[in-house]
Amino acid sequence: MKALKLNDWLQVVGMAAIVASLIFVGLQLKLSQEIAIAAQYQARSDSLREQFSAYLESEAGMRVIGKELLGDMLASDAVPAEIKRWAGEQPVEELAFRAIGAYVSLKSYDNLYFQYQSGFLSEEAWTAARVQLRQGLDDPRTWMLDTYRRNSAIWRASYSEMIASLVE
């Protein structure tokens, strides 16, 4: 009788150990998936920076981007006259440089925020990055806020919410 009870308890302990190990394996798989997604997001961010680096190295590319940007600015009723006047006096390559810099910066901060949300960036590191992002958004010379607003549909919802809280 005692042997049967002992056997029953051993089976219960064995089943509990199997369940615990399955839970552990499930958690490991979830973490591995999160790491893979974060790495994929980082790789896309790196690829984007490389693509824009190629534009920055191309004089023709910078002229094309700058001319299109200037044309859009001059045709827009939303752009104030003093900005249009200033933009018209700038080399088109400088306009392209500012626009590319703003876009790449915003995408880089989006990547950092994603890494923070995923738990791969510390609170301290994100706080420092958030201060820098806020400074960039507050400085009209960076074109970051304008670039963000002109392309509002391309950003992740959580990133948009975070930027909105910074801009308020």
C-alpha atoms as a PDB file:
ATOM      1  CA  MET A   1       0.000   0.000   0.000  1.00  0.00           C
ATOM      2  CA  LYS A   2       2.802   2.409   0.943  1.00  0.00           C
ATOM      3  CA  ALA A   3       4.643   1.503  -2.251  1.00  0.00           C
ATOM      4  CA  LEU A   4       1.577   2.413  -4.336  1.00  0.00           C
ATOM      5  CA  LYS A   5       1.235   5.801  -2.595  1.00  0.00           C
ATOM      6  CA  LEU A   6       4.935   6.470  -3.078  1.00  0.00           C
ATOM      7  CA  ASN A   7       4.609   5.477  -6.739  1.00  0.00           C
ATOM      8  CA  ASP A   8       1.615   7.846  -7.141  1.00  0.00           C
ATOM      9  CA  TRP A   9       3.569  10.717  -5.581  1.00  0.00           C
ATOM     10  CA  LEU A  10       6.579  10.036  -7.771  1.00  0.00           C
ATOM     11  CA  GLN A  11       4.342  10.118 -10.849  1.00  0.00           C
ATOM     12  CA  VAL A  12       2.822  13.433  -9.725  1.00  0.00           C
ATOM     13  CA  VAL A  13       6.294  14.906  -9.143  1.00  0.00           C
ATOM     14  CA  GLY A  14       7.441  13.548 -12.510  1.00  0.00           C
ATOM     15  CA  MET A  15       4.449  15.104 -14.299  1.00  0.00           C
ATOM     16  CA  ALA A  16       5.046  18.426 -12.521  1.00  0.00           C
ATOM     17  CA  ALA A  17       8.685  18.335 -13.635  1.00  0.00           C
ATOM     18  CA  ILE A  18       7.626  17.673 -17.233  1.00  0.00           C
ATOM     19  CA  VAL A  19       5.110  20.542 -17.133  1.00  0.00           C
ATOM     20  CA  ALA A  20       7.742  22.859 -15.622  1.00  0.00           C
ATOM     21  CA  SER A  21      10.276  21.934 -18.291  1.00  0.00           C
ATOM     22  CA  LEU A  22       7.698  22.516 -21.054  1.00  0.00           C
ATOM     23  CA  ILE A  23       6.918  25.946 -19.605  1.00  0.00           C
ATOM     24  CA  PHE A  24      10.648  26.710 -19.495  1.00  0.00           C
ATOM     25  CA  VAL A  25      11.078  25.616 -23.130  1.00  0.00           C
ATOM     26  CA  GLY A  26       8.077  27.759 -24.116  1.00  0.00           C
ATOM     27  CA  LEU A  27       9.578  30.796 -22.416  1.00  0.00           C
ATOM     28  CA  GLN A  28      12.904  30.166 -24.142  1.00  0.00           C
ATOM     29  CA  LEU A  29      11.157  29.968 -27.526  1.00  0.00           C
ATOM     30  CA  LYS A  30       9.282  33.210 -26.828  1.00  0.00           C
ATOM     31  CA  LEU A  31      12.498  34.983 -25.857  1.00  0.00           C
ATOM     32  CA  SER A  32      14.285  33.619 -28.931  1.00  0.00           C
ATOM     33  CA  GLN A  33      11.476  34.922 -31.118  1.00  0.00           C
ATOM     34  CA  GLU A  34      11.634  38.358 -29.484  1.00  0.00           C
ATOM     35  CA  ILE A  35      15.394  38.461 -30.007  1.00  0.00           C
ATOM     36  CA  ALA A  36      14.972  37.471 -33.655  1.00  0.00           C
ATOM     37  CA  ILE A  37      12.342  40.162 -34.233  1.00  0.00           C
ATOM     38  CA  ALA A  38      14.539  42.809 -32.584  1.00  0.00           C
ATOM     39  CA  ALA A  39      17.528  41.699 -34.658  1.00  0.00           C
ATOM     40  CA  GLN A  40      15.418  41.838 -37.814  1.00  0.00           C
ATOM     41  CA  TYR A  41      14.229  45.349 -36.919  1.00  0.00           C
ATOM     42  CA  GLN A  42      17.837  46.394 -36.327  1.00  0.00           C
ATOM     43  CA  ALA A  43      18.900  44.903 -39.665  1.00  0.00           C
ATOM     44  CA  ARG A  44      16.176  46.856 -41.496  1.00  0.00           C
ATOM     45  CA  SER A  45      17.324  50.026 -39.751  1.00  0.00           C
ATOM     46  CA  ASP A  46      20.931  49.364 -40.758  1.00  0.00           C
ATOM     47  CA  SER A  47      19.863  48.699 -44.339  1.00  0.00           C
ATOM     48  CA  LEU A  48      17.976  51.989 -44.459  1.00  0.00           C
ATOM     49  CA  ARG A  49      21.032  53.883 -43.192  1.00  0.00           C
ATOM     50  CA  GLU A  50      23.189  52.229 -45.853  1.00  0.00           C
ATOM     51  CA  GLN A  51      20.691  53.170 -48.549  1.00  0.00           C
ATOM     52  CA  PHE A  52      20.648  56.799 -47.481  1.00  0.00           C
ATOM     53  CA  SER A  53      24.430  56.812 -47.149  1.00  0.00           C
ATOM     54  CA  ALA A  54      24.554  55.925 -50.839  1.00  0.00           C
ATOM     55  CA  TYR A  55      22.324  58.917 -51.607  1.00  0.00           C
ATOM     56  CA  LEU A  56      24.560  61.168 -49.541  1.00  0.00           C
ATOM     57  CA  GLU A  57      27.582  60.045 -51.551  1.00  0.00           C
ATOM     58  CA  SER A  58      25.881  60.773 -54.877  1.00  0.00           C
ATOM     59  CA  GLU A  59      25.992  64.372 -56.054  1.00  0.00           C
ATOM     60  CA  ALA A  60      23.356  63.655 -58.699  1.00  0.00           C
ATOM     61  CA  GLY A  61      21.137  61.922 -56.156  1.00  0.00           C
ATOM     62  CA  MET A  62      21.410  64.832 -53.749  1.00  0.00           C
ATOM     63  CA  ARG A  63      20.532  67.309 -56.515  1.00  0.00           C
ATOM     64  CA  VAL A  64      17.483  65.291 -57.562  1.00  0.00           C
ATOM     65  CA  ILE A  65      16.238  64.901 -53.987  1.00  0.00           C
ATOM     66  CA  GLY A  66      16.936  68.556 -53.205  1.00  0.00           C
ATOM     67  CA  LYS A  67      15.172  69.839 -56.332  1.00  0.00           C
ATOM     68  CA  GLU A  68      12.110  67.693 -55.628  1.00  0.00           C
ATOM     69  CA  LEU A  69      12.064  68.837 -52.020  1.00  0.00           C
ATOM     70  CA  LEU A  70      12.410  72.499 -52.993  1.00  0.00           C
ATOM     71  CA  GLY A  71       9.631  72.143 -55.561  1.00  0.00           C
ATOM     72  CA  ASP A  72       7.352  70.539 -52.961  1.00  0.00           C
ATOM     73  CA  MET A  73       8.139  73.271 -50.452  1.00  0.00           C
ATOM     74  CA  LEU A  74       7.510  76.088 -52.915  1.00  0.00           C
ATOM     75  CA  ALA A  75       4.231  74.523 -54.072  1.00  0.00           C
ATOM     76  CA  SER A  76       2.919  73.911 -50.549  1.00  0.00           C
ATOM     77  CA  ASP A  77       0.571  76.374 -48.904  1.00  0.00           C
ATOM     78  CA  ALA A  78       1.548  74.898 -45.530  1.00  0.00           C
ATOM     79  CA  VAL A  79       5.151  76.108 -45.778  1.00  0.00           C
ATOM     80  CA  PRO A  80       5.565  79.672 -44.454  1.00  0.00           C
ATOM     81  CA  ALA A  81       6.867  82.306 -46.873  1.00  0.00           C
ATOM     82  CA  GLU A  82      10.059  82.906 -44.861  1.00  0.00           C
ATOM     83  CA  ILE A  83      10.928  79.192 -45.031  1.00  0.00           C
ATOM     84  CA  LYS A  84      10.257  79.169 -48.773  1.00  0.00           C
ATOM     85  CA  ARG A  85      12.503  82.192 -49.191  1.00  0.00           C
ATOM     86  CA  TRP A  86      15.240  80.612 -47.067  1.00  0.00           C
ATOM     87  CA  ALA A  87      14.964  77.283 -48.920  1.00  0.00           C
ATOM     88  CA  GLY A  88      15.162  79.032 -52.287  1.00  0.00           C
ATOM     89  CA  GLU A  89      18.505  80.558 -51.250  1.00  0.00           C
ATOM     90  CA  GLN A  90      20.044  77.228 -50.155  1.00  0.00           C
ATOM     91  CA  PRO A  91      21.921  74.812 -52.385  1.00  0.00           C
ATOM     92  CA  VAL A  92      19.516  71.985 -53.207  1.00  0.00           C
ATOM     93  CA  GLU A  93      22.102  69.512 -51.911  1.00  0.00           C
ATOM     94  CA  GLU A  94      21.815  71.102 -48.457  1.00  0.00           C
ATOM     95  CA  LEU A  95      18.048  70.713 -48.521  1.00  0.00           C
ATOM     96  CA  ALA A  96      18.466  67.052 -49.436  1.00  0.00           C
ATOM     97  CA  PHE A  97      21.067  66.595 -46.702  1.00  0.00           C
ATOM     98  CA  ARG A  98      18.730  68.051 -44.062  1.00  0.00           C
ATOM     99  CA  ALA A  99      15.761  65.987 -45.247  1.00  0.00           C
ATOM    100  CA  ILE A 100      17.735  62.735 -45.308  1.00  0.00           C
ATOM    101  CA  GLY A 101      19.280  63.506 -41.925  1.00  0.00           C
ATOM    102  CA  ALA A 102      15.868  64.138 -40.376  1.00  0.00           C
ATOM    103  CA  TYR A 103      14.372  60.952 -41.811  1.00  0.00           C
ATOM    104  CA  VAL A 104      17.313  58.755 -40.808  1.00  0.00           C
ATOM    105  CA  SER A 105      17.359  60.263 -37.316  1.00  0.00           C
ATOM    106  CA  LEU A 106      13.658  59.607 -36.841  1.00  0.00           C
ATOM    107  CA  LYS A 107      14.031  56.028 -38.044  1.00  0.00           C
ATOM    108  CA  SER A 108      17.024  55.520 -35.738  1.00  0.00           C
ATOM    109  CA  TYR A 109      15.054  56.755 -32.737  1.00  0.00           C
ATOM    110  CA  ASP A 110      12.156  54.510 -33.767  1.00  0.00           C
ATOM    111  CA  ASN A 111      14.580  51.579 -33.729  1.00  0.00           C
ATOM    112  CA  LEU A 112      15.877  52.571 -30.286  1.00  0.00           C
ATOM    113  CA  TYR A 113      12.320  52.872 -28.985  1.00  0.00           C
ATOM    114  CA  PHE A 114      11.462  49.450 -30.398  1.00  0.00           C
ATOM    115  CA  GLN A 115      14.548  47.976 -28.713  1.00  0.00           C
ATOM    116  CA  TYR A 116      13.528  49.661 -25.450  1.00  0.00           C
ATOM    117  CA  GLN A 117       9.961  48.359 -25.704  1.00  0.00           C
ATOM    118  CA  SER A 118      11.303  44.865 -26.371  1.00  0.00           C
ATOM    119  CA  GLY A 119      13.465  45.012 -23.257  1.00  0.00           C
ATOM    120  CA  PHE A 120      16.800  45.130 -25.095  1.00  0.00           C
ATOM    121  CA  LEU A 121      17.636  48.746 -24.182  1.00  0.00           C
ATOM    122  CA  SER A 122      17.885  49.903 -20.584  1.00  0.00           C
ATOM    123  CA  GLU A 123      15.672  52.587 -19.087  1.00  0.00           C
ATOM    124  CA  GLU A 124      18.755  54.773 -18.585  1.00  0.00           C
ATOM    125  CA  ALA A 125      19.821  54.454 -22.233  1.00  0.00           C
ATOM    126  CA  TRP A 126      16.302  55.147 -23.504  1.00  0.00           C
ATOM    127  CA  THR A 127      15.942  58.181 -21.222  1.00  0.00           C
ATOM    128  CA  ALA A 128      19.134  59.664 -22.688  1.00  0.00           C
ATOM    129  CA  ALA A 129      18.004  58.908 -26.242  1.00  0.00           C
ATOM    130  CA  ARG A 130      14.575  60.399 -25.548  1.00  0.00           C
ATOM    131  CA  VAL A 131      16.217  63.654 -24.385  1.00  0.00           C
ATOM    132  CA  GLN A 132      18.198  63.806 -27.632  1.00  0.00           C
ATOM    133  CA  LEU A 133      15.062  63.048 -29.679  1.00  0.00           C
ATOM    134  CA  ARG A 134      13.191  65.823 -27.886  1.00  0.00           C
ATOM    135  CA  GLN A 135      16.015  68.268 -28.627  1.00  0.00           C
ATOM    136  CA  GLY A 136      15.931  67.304 -32.294  1.00  0.00           C
ATOM    137  CA  LEU A 137      12.166  67.685 -32.488  1.00  0.00           C
ATOM    138  CA  ASP A 138      12.358  71.095 -30.777  1.00  0.00           C
ATOM    139  CA  ASP A 139      15.050  72.439 -33.140  1.00  0.00           C
ATOM    140  CA  PRO A 140      13.464  73.527 -36.441  1.00  0.00           C
ATOM    141  CA  ARG A 141      16.891  73.421 -38.133  1.00  0.00           C
ATOM    142  CA  THR A 142      16.844  69.605 -37.930  1.00  0.00           C
ATOM    143  CA  TRP A 143      13.526  69.336 -39.841  1.00  0.00           C
ATOM    144  CA  MET A 144      12.741  66.314 -37.662  1.00  0.00           C
ATOM    145  CA  LEU A 145       9.309  67.426 -36.466  1.00  0.00           C
ATOM    146  CA  ASP A 146       8.290  68.595 -39.925  1.00  0.00           C
ATOM    147  CA  THR A 147       9.554  65.357 -41.478  1.00  0.00           C
ATOM    148  CA  TYR A 148       7.663  63.342 -38.872  1.00  0.00           C
ATOM    149  CA  ARG A 149       4.426  65.250 -39.500  1.00  0.00           C
ATOM    150  CA  ARG A 150       4.716  65.108 -43.302  1.00  0.00           C
ATOM    151  CA  ASN A 151       5.121  61.331 -43.126  1.00  0.00           C
ATOM    152  CA  SER A 152       2.799  60.644 -40.198  1.00  0.00           C
ATOM    153  CA  ALA A 153       1.327  57.445 -41.659  1.00  0.00           C
ATOM    154  CA  ILE A 154       4.637  55.555 -41.902  1.00  0.00           C
ATOM    155  CA  TRP A 155       5.500  55.434 -38.202  1.00  0.00           C
ATOM    156  CA  ARG A 156       4.585  52.706 -35.742  1.00  0.00           C
ATOM    157  CA  ALA A 157       1.568  53.631 -33.593  1.00  0.00           C
ATOM    158  CA  SER A 158       3.451  53.358 -30.298  1.00  0.00           C
ATOM    159  CA  TYR A 159       6.279  55.530 -31.678  1.00  0.00           C
ATOM    160  CA  SER A 160       3.746  58.130 -32.830  1.00  0.00           C
ATOM    161  CA  GLU A 161       2.170  58.161 -29.371  1.00  0.00           C
ATOM    162  CA  MET A 162       5.559  58.612 -27.740  1.00  0.00           C
ATOM    163  CA  ILE A 163       6.475  61.483 -30.089  1.00  0.00           C
ATOM    164  CA  ALA A 164       3.112  63.118 -29.462  1.00  0.00           C
ATOM    165  CA  SER A 165       3.821  63.008 -25.727  1.00  0.00           C
ATOM    166  CA  LEU A 166       7.226  64.648 -26.306  1.00  0.00           C
ATOM    167  CA  VAL A 167       5.828  67.377 -28.512  1.00  0.00           C
ATOM    168  CA  GLU A 168       2.914  68.311 -26.212  1.00  0.00           C
END
